[in-house]
C-alpha atoms as a PDB file:
ATOM      1  CA  MET A   1      25.413  54.368 -38.867  1.00  0.00           C
ATOM      2  CA  VAL A   2      23.641  53.310 -42.068  1.00  0.00           C
ATOM      3  CA  VAL A   3      19.989  52.826 -42.918  1.00  0.00           C
ATOM      4  CA  LEU A   4      18.840  49.796 -44.890  1.00  0.00           C
ATOM      5  CA  LYS A   5      15.372  49.250 -46.325  1.00  0.00           C
ATOM      6  CA  LYS A   6      13.639  45.948 -45.805  1.00  0.00           C
ATOM      7  CA  ASN A   7      10.004  45.529 -46.881  1.00  0.00           C
ATOM      8  CA  ASP A   8       9.704  49.320 -47.037  1.00  0.00           C
ATOM      9  CA  LEU A   9      10.723  49.513 -43.364  1.00  0.00           C
ATOM     10  CA  LYS A  10      13.850  51.324 -42.183  1.00  0.00           C
ATOM     11  CA  VAL A  11      16.292  49.025 -40.431  1.00  0.00           C
ATOM     12  CA  TRP A  12      19.121  50.632 -38.504  1.00  0.00           C
ATOM     13  CA  GLN A  13      22.479  48.927 -38.764  1.00  0.00           C
ATOM     14  CA  ARG A  14      25.595  50.091 -36.946  1.00  0.00           C
ATOM     15  CA  ARG A  15      28.051  49.286 -39.744  1.00  0.00           C
ATOM     16  CA  ASP A  16      27.817  48.332 -43.387  1.00  0.00           C
ATOM     17  CA  ARG A  17      29.125  45.016 -44.680  1.00  0.00           C
ATOM     18  CA  LYS A  18      32.511  46.388 -45.691  1.00  0.00           C
ATOM     19  CA  ALA A  19      33.207  47.989 -42.304  1.00  0.00           C
ATOM     20  CA  GLN A  20      32.101  44.839 -40.493  1.00  0.00           C
ATOM     21  CA  PHE A  21      34.368  42.716 -42.665  1.00  0.00           C
ATOM     22  CA  LYS A  22      37.342  44.945 -41.836  1.00  0.00           C
ATOM     23  CA  ILE A  23      36.664  44.581 -38.111  1.00  0.00           C
ATOM     24  CA  TRP A  24      36.444  40.804 -38.294  1.00  0.00           C
ATOM     25  CA  ALA A  25      39.573  40.657 -40.456  1.00  0.00           C
ATOM     26  CA  SER A  26      41.437  42.751 -37.882  1.00  0.00           C
ATOM     27  CA  TRP A  27      40.381  40.400 -35.090  1.00  0.00           C
ATOM     28  CA  LEU A  28      41.430  37.384 -37.163  1.00  0.00           C
ATOM     29  CA  PHE A  29      44.803  38.932 -37.935  1.00  0.00           C
ATOM     30  CA  GLY A  30      45.348  39.809 -34.271  1.00  0.00           C
ATOM     31  CA  ALA A  31      44.455  36.270 -33.182  1.00  0.00           C
ATOM     32  CA  ALA A  32      46.876  34.829 -35.764  1.00  0.00           C
ATOM     33  CA  ILE A  33      49.689  37.080 -34.525  1.00  0.00           C
ATOM     34  CA  PHE A  34      48.961  36.086 -30.927  1.00  0.00           C
ATOM     35  CA  MET A  35      49.006  32.361 -31.733  1.00  0.00           C
ATOM     36  CA  TRP A  36      52.234  32.686 -33.702  1.00  0.00           C
ATOM     37  CA  SER A  37      53.889  34.623 -30.871  1.00  0.00           C
ATOM     38  CA  TRP A  38      52.696  32.083 -28.320  1.00  0.00           C
ATOM     39  CA  GLN A  39      54.134  29.276 -30.425  1.00  0.00           C
ATOM     40  CA  GLN A  40      57.504  31.015 -30.636  1.00  0.00           C
ATOM     41  CA  ILE A  41      57.565  31.546 -26.863  1.00  0.00           C
ATOM     42  CA  SER A  42      56.507  27.967 -26.158  1.00  0.00           C
ATOM     43  CA  GLU A  43      59.302  26.520 -28.277  1.00  0.00           C
ATOM     44  CA  VAL A  44      61.996  28.218 -26.171  1.00  0.00           C
ATOM     45  CA  THR A  45      60.302  27.724 -22.792  1.00  0.00           C
ATOM     46  CA  THR A  46      61.125  24.824 -20.479  1.00  0.00           C
ATOM     47  CA  TRP A  47      57.652  24.211 -19.133  1.00  0.00           C
ATOM     48  CA  PHE A  48      58.870  21.839 -16.432  1.00  0.00           C
ATOM     49  CA  PHE A  49      60.480  24.773 -14.611  1.00  0.00           C
ATOM     50  CA  VAL A  50      57.359  26.876 -15.109  1.00  0.00           C
ATOM     51  CA  TRP A  51      55.099  24.270 -13.472  1.00  0.00           C
ATOM     52  CA  ASP A  52      57.685  23.776 -10.710  1.00  0.00           C
ATOM     53  CA  ALA A  53      57.941  27.534 -10.026  1.00  0.00           C
ATOM     54  CA  PRO A  54      55.374  27.646  -7.154  1.00  0.00           C
ATOM     55  CA  ARG A  55      57.307  25.006  -5.215  1.00  0.00           C
ATOM     56  CA  ILE A  56      60.618  26.819  -5.795  1.00  0.00           C
ATOM     57  CA  ALA A  57      59.101  30.146  -4.765  1.00  0.00           C
ATOM     58  CA  ALA A  58      57.713  28.615  -1.589  1.00  0.00           C
ATOM     59  CA  ASP A  59      61.094  27.063  -0.786  1.00  0.00           C
ATOM     60  CA  ILE A  60      62.950  30.372  -1.298  1.00  0.00           C
ATOM     61  CA  GLY A  61      60.306  32.203   0.740  1.00  0.00           C
ATOM     62  CA  SER A  62      60.743  29.802   3.650  1.00  0.00           C
ATOM     63  CA  ARG A  63      64.511  30.344   3.569  1.00  0.00           C
ATOM     64  CA  ALA A  64      64.135  34.130   3.335  1.00  0.00           C
ATOM     65  CA  MET A  65      62.007  34.384   6.466  1.00  0.00           C
ATOM     66  CA  PRO A  66      62.726  35.780   8.917  1.00  0.00           C
ATOM     67  CA  PRO A  67      65.106  38.429   7.545  1.00  0.00           C
ATOM     68  CA  ARG A  68      68.601  38.486   8.982  1.00  0.00           C
ATOM     69  CA  TRP A  69      68.241  41.669  11.028  1.00  0.00           C
ATOM     70  CA  GLU A  70      71.830  41.632  12.322  1.00  0.00           C
ATOM     71  CA  TYR A  71      72.953  42.216   8.718  1.00  0.00           C
ATOM     72  CA  LEU A  72      71.306  45.653   8.860  1.00  0.00           C
ATOM     73  CA  SER A  73      74.457  47.320  10.205  1.00  0.00           C
ATOM     74  CA  THR A  74      76.250  46.359   6.983  1.00  0.00           C
ATOM     75  CA  LEU A  75      73.663  48.071   4.795  1.00  0.00           C
ATOM     76  CA  TRP A  76      73.883  51.643   6.101  1.00  0.00           C
ATOM     77  CA  ARG A  77      76.950  52.545   4.040  1.00  0.00           C
ATOM     78  CA  PRO A  78      75.604  51.054   0.770  1.00  0.00           C
ATOM     79  CA  LEU A  79      72.266  52.780   1.422  1.00  0.00           C
ATOM     80  CA  TRP A  80      74.105  56.081   1.895  1.00  0.00           C
ATOM     81  CA  ASP A  81      75.962  55.453  -1.380  1.00  0.00           C
ATOM     82  CA  THR A  82      72.628  54.852  -3.104  1.00  0.00           C
ATOM     83  CA  LEU A  83      71.284  58.133  -1.751  1.00  0.00           C
ATOM     84  CA  ASN A  84      74.417  59.942  -2.961  1.00  0.00           C
ATOM     85  CA  ILE A  85      74.131  58.374  -6.418  1.00  0.00           C
ATOM     86  CA  ALA A  86      70.527  59.527  -6.748  1.00  0.00           C
ATOM     87  CA  THR A  87      71.104  63.026  -5.365  1.00  0.00           C
ATOM     88  CA  LEU A  88      74.373  63.905  -7.087  1.00  0.00           C
ATOM     89  CA  GLY A  89      73.224  62.255 -10.304  1.00  0.00           C
ATOM     90  CA  THR A  90      70.105  64.427 -10.278  1.00  0.00           C
ATOM     91  CA  VAL A  91      72.167  67.581  -9.649  1.00  0.00           C
ATOM     92  CA  LEU A  92      74.540  66.654 -12.479  1.00  0.00           C
ATOM     93  CA  ALA A  93      71.611  66.029 -14.822  1.00  0.00           C
ATOM     94  CA  LEU A  94      69.977  69.357 -13.983  1.00  0.00           C
ATOM     95  CA  LEU A  95      73.201  71.257 -14.613  1.00  0.00           C
ATOM     96  CA  MET A  96      73.336  69.795 -18.114  1.00  0.00           C
ATOM     97  CA  ALA A  97      69.584  69.743 -18.773  1.00  0.00           C
ATOM     98  CA  VAL A  98      68.976  73.460 -18.199  1.00  0.00           C
ATOM     99  CA  PRO A  99      71.095  74.775 -21.117  1.00  0.00           C
ATOM    100  CA  ILE A 100      69.872  71.939 -23.334  1.00  0.00           C
ATOM    101  CA  ALA A 101      66.260  72.850 -22.524  1.00  0.00           C
ATOM    102  CA  PHE A 102      66.836  76.492 -23.471  1.00  0.00           C
ATOM    103  CA  MET A 103      68.471  75.369 -26.711  1.00  0.00           C
ATOM    104  CA  ALA A 104      65.536  73.030 -27.475  1.00  0.00           C
ATOM    105  CA  ALA A 105      62.699  75.472 -26.751  1.00  0.00           C
ATOM    106  CA  ARG A 106      61.461  77.258 -29.876  1.00  0.00           C
ATOM    107  CA  ASN A 107      61.216  80.638 -28.167  1.00  0.00           C
ATOM    108  CA  THR A 108      64.725  80.610 -26.663  1.00  0.00           C
ATOM    109  CA  THR A 109      66.900  78.555 -29.016  1.00  0.00           C
ATOM    110  CA  PRO A 110      69.683  80.466 -30.795  1.00  0.00           C
ATOM    111  CA  SER A 111      68.986  78.552 -34.011  1.00  0.00           C
ATOM    112  CA  THR A 112      66.027  76.415 -35.026  1.00  0.00           C
ATOM    113  CA  LEU A 113      68.028  75.011 -37.932  1.00  0.00           C
ATOM    114  CA  PHE A 114      71.155  73.761 -36.141  1.00  0.00           C
ATOM    115  CA  VAL A 115      71.053  74.218 -32.350  1.00  0.00           C
ATOM    116  CA  ARG A 116      67.527  72.969 -31.680  1.00  0.00           C
ATOM    117  CA  PRO A 117      67.901  69.677 -33.634  1.00  0.00           C
ATOM    118  CA  PHE A 118      71.151  69.013 -31.754  1.00  0.00           C
ATOM    119  CA  ALA A 119      69.458  69.650 -28.398  1.00  0.00           C
ATOM    120  CA  LEU A 120      66.535  67.400 -29.317  1.00  0.00           C
ATOM    121  CA  LEU A 121      68.976  64.685 -30.374  1.00  0.00           C
ATOM    122  CA  VAL A 122      70.657  64.845 -26.952  1.00  0.00           C
ATOM    123  CA  ILE A 123      67.266  64.654 -25.237  1.00  0.00           C
ATOM    124  CA  VAL A 124      66.113  61.655 -27.251  1.00  0.00           C
ATOM    125  CA  SER A 125      69.409  59.760 -27.057  1.00  0.00           C
ATOM    126  CA  THR A 126      69.773  60.095 -23.279  1.00  0.00           C
ATOM    127  CA  ARG A 127      66.146  59.124 -22.650  1.00  0.00           C
ATOM    128  CA  SER A 128      66.160  56.109 -24.946  1.00  0.00           C
ATOM    129  CA  ILE A 129      68.842  54.123 -23.078  1.00  0.00           C
ATOM    130  CA  ASN A 130      68.055  52.660 -19.659  1.00  0.00           C
ATOM    131  CA  SER A 131      70.198  53.599 -16.676  1.00  0.00           C
ATOM    132  CA  LEU A 132      71.269  49.962 -16.233  1.00  0.00           C
ATOM    133  CA  ILE A 133      72.705  49.947 -19.748  1.00  0.00           C
ATOM    134  CA  TRP A 134      74.493  53.243 -19.119  1.00  0.00           C
ATOM    135  CA  ALA A 135      75.877  51.793 -15.884  1.00  0.00           C
ATOM    136  CA  LEU A 136      77.020  48.638 -17.668  1.00  0.00           C
ATOM    137  CA  LEU A 137      78.866  50.694 -20.280  1.00  0.00           C
ATOM    138  CA  LEU A 138      80.401  53.054 -17.724  1.00  0.00           C
ATOM    139  CA  VAL A 139      81.569  50.194 -15.492  1.00  0.00           C
ATOM    140  CA  ALA A 140      83.427  48.809 -18.498  1.00  0.00           C
ATOM    141  CA  ILE A 141      84.918  52.242 -19.280  1.00  0.00           C
ATOM    142  CA  ILE A 142      85.765  53.790 -15.891  1.00  0.00           C
ATOM    143  CA  GLY A 143      85.552  50.750 -13.667  1.00  0.00           C
ATOM    144  CA  PRO A 144      83.045  49.596 -11.038  1.00  0.00           C
ATOM    145  CA  GLY A 145      81.968  51.779  -8.162  1.00  0.00           C
ATOM    146  CA  VAL A 146      79.739  54.629  -7.082  1.00  0.00           C
ATOM    147  CA  PHE A 147      81.148  57.081  -9.635  1.00  0.00           C
ATOM    148  CA  ALA A 148      79.985  54.941 -12.548  1.00  0.00           C
ATOM    149  CA  GLY A 149      76.490  54.765 -11.064  1.00  0.00           C
ATOM    150  CA  LEU A 150      76.417  58.514 -10.490  1.00  0.00           C
ATOM    151  CA  ILE A 151      77.339  59.269 -14.105  1.00  0.00           C
ATOM    152  CA  ALA A 152      74.841  56.695 -15.380  1.00  0.00           C
ATOM    153  CA  ILE A 153      72.004  58.257 -13.390  1.00  0.00           C
ATOM    154  CA  GLY A 154      73.055  61.717 -14.520  1.00  0.00           C
ATOM    155  CA  ILE A 155      73.143  60.852 -18.218  1.00  0.00           C
ATOM    156  CA  ARG A 156      69.851  58.979 -18.051  1.00  0.00           C
ATOM    157  CA  SER A 157      68.131  61.951 -16.367  1.00  0.00           C
ATOM    158  CA  ILE A 158      69.242  64.635 -18.834  1.00  0.00           C
ATOM    159  CA  GLY A 159      66.620  63.876 -21.441  1.00  0.00           C
ATOM    160  CA  PHE A 160      63.794  63.554 -18.920  1.00  0.00           C
ATOM    161  CA  CYS A 161      64.533  66.864 -17.200  1.00  0.00           C
ATOM    162  CA  ALA A 162      65.340  68.762 -20.403  1.00  0.00           C
ATOM    163  CA  LYS A 163      62.178  67.604 -22.180  1.00  0.00           C
ATOM    164  CA  LEU A 164      59.830  68.672 -19.379  1.00  0.00           C
ATOM    165  CA  LEU A 165      61.730  71.897 -18.854  1.00  0.00           C
ATOM    166  CA  TYR A 166      61.774  72.984 -22.498  1.00  0.00           C
ATOM    167  CA  GLU A 167      58.039  72.305 -22.713  1.00  0.00           C
ATOM    168  CA  ALA A 168      57.568  74.579 -19.687  1.00  0.00           C
ATOM    169  CA  ILE A 169      59.689  77.257 -21.386  1.00  0.00           C
ATOM    170  CA  GLU A 170      57.546  77.115 -24.511  1.00  0.00           C
ATOM    171  CA  GLU A 171      54.372  77.516 -22.436  1.00  0.00           C
ATOM    172  CA  ILE A 172      55.370  80.718 -20.610  1.00  0.00           C
ATOM    173  CA  ASP A 173      53.280  83.885 -20.696  1.00  0.00           C
ATOM    174  CA  TYR A 174      55.019  85.852 -23.449  1.00  0.00           C
ATOM    175  CA  THR A 175      53.429  89.174 -22.492  1.00  0.00           C
ATOM    176  CA  GLN A 176      55.858  89.422 -19.591  1.00  0.00           C
ATOM    177  CA  VAL A 177      58.763  88.856 -21.947  1.00  0.00           C
ATOM    178  CA  GLU A 178      57.457  91.509 -24.316  1.00  0.00           C
ATOM    179  CA  ALA A 179      57.084  93.985 -21.454  1.00  0.00           C
ATOM    180  CA  ILE A 180      60.680  93.501 -20.318  1.00  0.00           C
ATOM    181  CA  THR A 181      61.946  93.631 -23.906  1.00  0.00           C
ATOM    182  CA  ALA A 182      60.143  96.947 -24.409  1.00  0.00           C
ATOM    183  CA  THR A 183      62.259  98.495 -21.634  1.00  0.00           C
ATOM    184  CA  GLY A 184      65.374  97.925 -23.719  1.00  0.00           C
ATOM    185  CA  ALA A 185      66.614  94.930 -21.727  1.00  0.00           C
ATOM    186  CA  SER A 186      69.272  92.700 -23.228  1.00  0.00           C
ATOM    187  CA  ARG A 187      68.669  89.071 -24.214  1.00  0.00           C
ATOM    188  CA  TRP A 188      70.177  87.798 -20.945  1.00  0.00           C
ATOM    189  CA  GLN A 189      68.138  90.249 -18.875  1.00  0.00           C
ATOM    190  CA  VAL A 190      64.963  89.139 -20.631  1.00  0.00           C
ATOM    191  CA  MET A 191      65.825  85.530 -19.879  1.00  0.00           C
ATOM    192  CA  THR A 192      66.726  86.278 -16.257  1.00  0.00           C
ATOM    193  CA  TYR A 193      63.718  88.438 -15.364  1.00  0.00           C
ATOM    194  CA  GLY A 194      61.101  87.366 -17.908  1.00  0.00           C
ATOM    195  CA  ILE A 195      61.547  83.628 -18.435  1.00  0.00           C
ATOM    196  CA  VAL A 196      63.379  82.118 -15.457  1.00  0.00           C
ATOM    197  CA  PRO A 197      60.884  83.305 -12.780  1.00  0.00           C
ATOM    198  CA  GLN A 198      58.026  81.728 -14.740  1.00  0.00           C
ATOM    199  CA  ILE A 199      59.671  78.312 -15.038  1.00  0.00           C
ATOM    200  CA  MET A 200      61.128  78.057 -11.519  1.00  0.00           C
ATOM    201  CA  PRO A 201      58.101  76.187 -10.041  1.00  0.00           C
ATOM    202  CA  ALA A 202      58.212  73.712 -12.924  1.00  0.00           C
ATOM    203  CA  PHE A 203      61.976  73.367 -12.523  1.00  0.00           C
ATOM    204  CA  ALA A 204      61.669  72.607  -8.802  1.00  0.00           C
ATOM    205  CA  GLY A 205      58.900  70.084  -9.419  1.00  0.00           C
ATOM    206  CA  ILE A 206      60.897  68.352 -12.155  1.00  0.00           C
ATOM    207  CA  ALA A 207      63.999  68.188  -9.946  1.00  0.00           C
ATOM    208  CA  ILE A 208      62.138  66.607  -7.014  1.00  0.00           C
ATOM    209  CA  PHE A 209      60.222  64.195  -9.229  1.00  0.00           C
ATOM    210  CA  ARG A 210      63.382  63.059 -11.000  1.00  0.00           C
ATOM    211  CA  TRP A 211      65.240  62.633  -7.712  1.00  0.00           C
ATOM    212  CA  ASP A 212      62.470  60.332  -6.532  1.00  0.00           C
ATOM    213  CA  ILE A 213      62.781  58.267  -9.714  1.00  0.00           C
ATOM    214  CA  ASN A 214      66.584  58.194  -9.508  1.00  0.00           C
ATOM    215  CA  LEU A 215      66.520  56.884  -5.946  1.00  0.00           C
ATOM    216  CA  ARG A 216      64.515  53.908  -7.143  1.00  0.00           C
ATOM    217  CA  GLU A 217      66.734  53.298 -10.157  1.00  0.00           C
ATOM    218  CA  SER A 218      69.965  53.623  -8.176  1.00  0.00           C
ATOM    219  CA  THR A 219      68.956  50.746  -5.874  1.00  0.00           C
ATOM    220  CA  VAL A 220      69.550  48.251  -8.689  1.00  0.00           C
ATOM    221  CA  LEU A 221      72.655  49.717 -10.329  1.00  0.00           C
ATOM    222  CA  GLY A 222      74.836  47.613  -8.064  1.00  0.00           C
ATOM    223  CA  LEU A 223      73.642  44.541  -9.952  1.00  0.00           C
ATOM    224  CA  VAL A 224      76.027  45.562 -12.736  1.00  0.00           C
ATOM    225  CA  GLY A 225      78.787  46.788 -10.405  1.00  0.00           C
ATOM    226  CA  ALA A 226      77.844  50.482 -10.173  1.00  0.00           C
ATOM    227  CA  GLY A 227      77.812  50.633  -6.371  1.00  0.00           C
ATOM    228  CA  GLY A 228      75.047  51.214  -3.870  1.00  0.00           C
ATOM    229  CA  ILE A 229      72.819  48.774  -2.054  1.00  0.00           C
ATOM    230  CA  GLY A 230      72.285  46.824  -5.261  1.00  0.00           C
ATOM    231  CA  LEU A 231      75.843  45.563  -4.915  1.00  0.00           C
ATOM    232  CA  GLN A 232      74.935  43.965  -1.580  1.00  0.00           C
ATOM    233  CA  LEU A 233      71.836  42.509  -3.187  1.00  0.00           C
ATOM    234  CA  GLN A 234      73.882  40.976  -5.978  1.00  0.00           C
ATOM    235  CA  GLY A 235      76.355  39.466  -3.494  1.00  0.00           C
ATOM    236  CA  SER A 236      73.566  37.979  -1.396  1.00  0.00           C
ATOM    237  CA  LEU A 237      71.891  36.513  -4.469  1.00  0.00           C
ATOM    238  CA  ASN A 238      75.158  34.966  -5.643  1.00  0.00           C
ATOM    239  CA  THR A 239      75.712  33.276  -2.269  1.00  0.00           C
ATOM    240  CA  LEU A 240      72.041  32.227  -1.949  1.00  0.00           C
ATOM    241  CA  ALA A 241      71.767  34.157   1.331  1.00  0.00           C
ATOM    242  CA  TRP A 242      68.004  34.504   1.093  1.00  0.00           C
ATOM    243  CA  SER A 243      67.544  35.926   4.584  1.00  0.00           C
ATOM    244  CA  GLN A 244      69.902  38.753   3.621  1.00  0.00           C
ATOM    245  CA  VAL A 245      68.053  39.221   0.337  1.00  0.00           C
ATOM    246  CA  SER A 246      64.742  39.650   2.142  1.00  0.00           C
ATOM    247  CA  LEU A 247      66.297  42.203   4.511  1.00  0.00           C
ATOM    248  CA  ILE A 248      67.761  44.180   1.608  1.00  0.00           C
ATOM    249  CA  LEU A 249      64.386  44.201  -0.143  1.00  0.00           C
ATOM    250  CA  VAL A 250      62.751  45.486   3.057  1.00  0.00           C
ATOM    251  CA  VAL A 251      65.358  48.260   3.311  1.00  0.00           C
ATOM    252  CA  ILE A 252      64.876  49.219  -0.351  1.00  0.00           C
ATOM    253  CA  LEU A 253      61.101  49.303   0.123  1.00  0.00           C
ATOM    254  CA  ALA A 254      61.465  51.499   3.214  1.00  0.00           C
ATOM    255  CA  ALA A 255      63.822  53.866   1.373  1.00  0.00           C
ATOM    256  CA  VAL A 256      61.415  54.168  -1.563  1.00  0.00           C
ATOM    257  CA  VAL A 257      58.449  54.833   0.744  1.00  0.00           C
ATOM    258  CA  VAL A 258      60.385  57.534   2.613  1.00  0.00           C
ATOM    259  CA  SER A 259      61.548  59.145  -0.647  1.00  0.00           C
ATOM    260  CA  GLU A 260      57.978  59.135  -1.951  1.00  0.00           C
ATOM    261  CA  ALA A 261      56.752  60.862   1.205  1.00  0.00           C
ATOM    262  CA  VAL A 262      59.563  63.431   1.107  1.00  0.00           C
ATOM    263  CA  SER A 263      59.066  64.206  -2.595  1.00  0.00           C
ATOM    264  CA  ALA A 264      55.285  64.493  -2.200  1.00  0.00           C
ATOM    265  CA  LYS A 265      55.733  66.863   0.738  1.00  0.00           C
ATOM    266  CA  ALA A 266      58.271  68.952  -1.166  1.00  0.00           C
ATOM    267  CA  ARG A 267      56.124  69.139  -4.309  1.00  0.00           C
ATOM    268  CA  GLY A 268      53.131  70.133  -2.217  1.00  0.00           C
ATOM    269  CA  ALA A 269      55.109  72.925  -0.579  1.00  0.00           C
ATOM    270  CA  ILE A 270      56.318  74.225  -3.945  1.00  0.00           C
ATOM    271  CA  ILE A 271      53.131  73.880  -5.957  1.00  0.00           C
END
């Protein structure tokens, strides 16, 4: 806020000329970037298909309704595989995330110079790559199937679980640790009785939350050959069986709603 004098009267102005010029220049630059980006997108877009999209969507919707309910008996096994991928992948991730979290936390790491940077690198690298990409790589390495999807979900979840867990470790009440240390307890006893009990609620919440996320992600891993109900979805899409596609989408939606209710109930009971 600046004050300008005009005819010996004080005039209040929100910004001076230089600040106002910077704001207008920023808007102009942003508009130029937007127009350039829109031009680049327009050059590689076939607008005929864009304008025809409502008609195509209506045609597919008419073919997808009603869902083919008799196909439901075929989906129970793939749905069970999806549940196994999410559950076992979460367990695998937690088994690897716990030691990594203790190595990444400043108050528990054996070395802030070597061990902690390595743990942080693992956390960042596993979180930065999507589970579909992990699944695509693992299908090429170990072949298609549920096992590839399980490993992909597990690797993808390590960074998420370890990051939240090591932040919870760093936020513990250190007076309890000091009290146990004063009794002459060893490093492992301090960790077992002073740190672990404080982070167990956070650990349980992280595990349930990640399982809920993994169930959603595992429904689409079959699109790249990693098993589960996504494999049935890919097959139905390839054969243009739209009534089967709509049924699979209904089943996936129901599974996600149930998992959300279960996870919310479990988190409420823990917290």
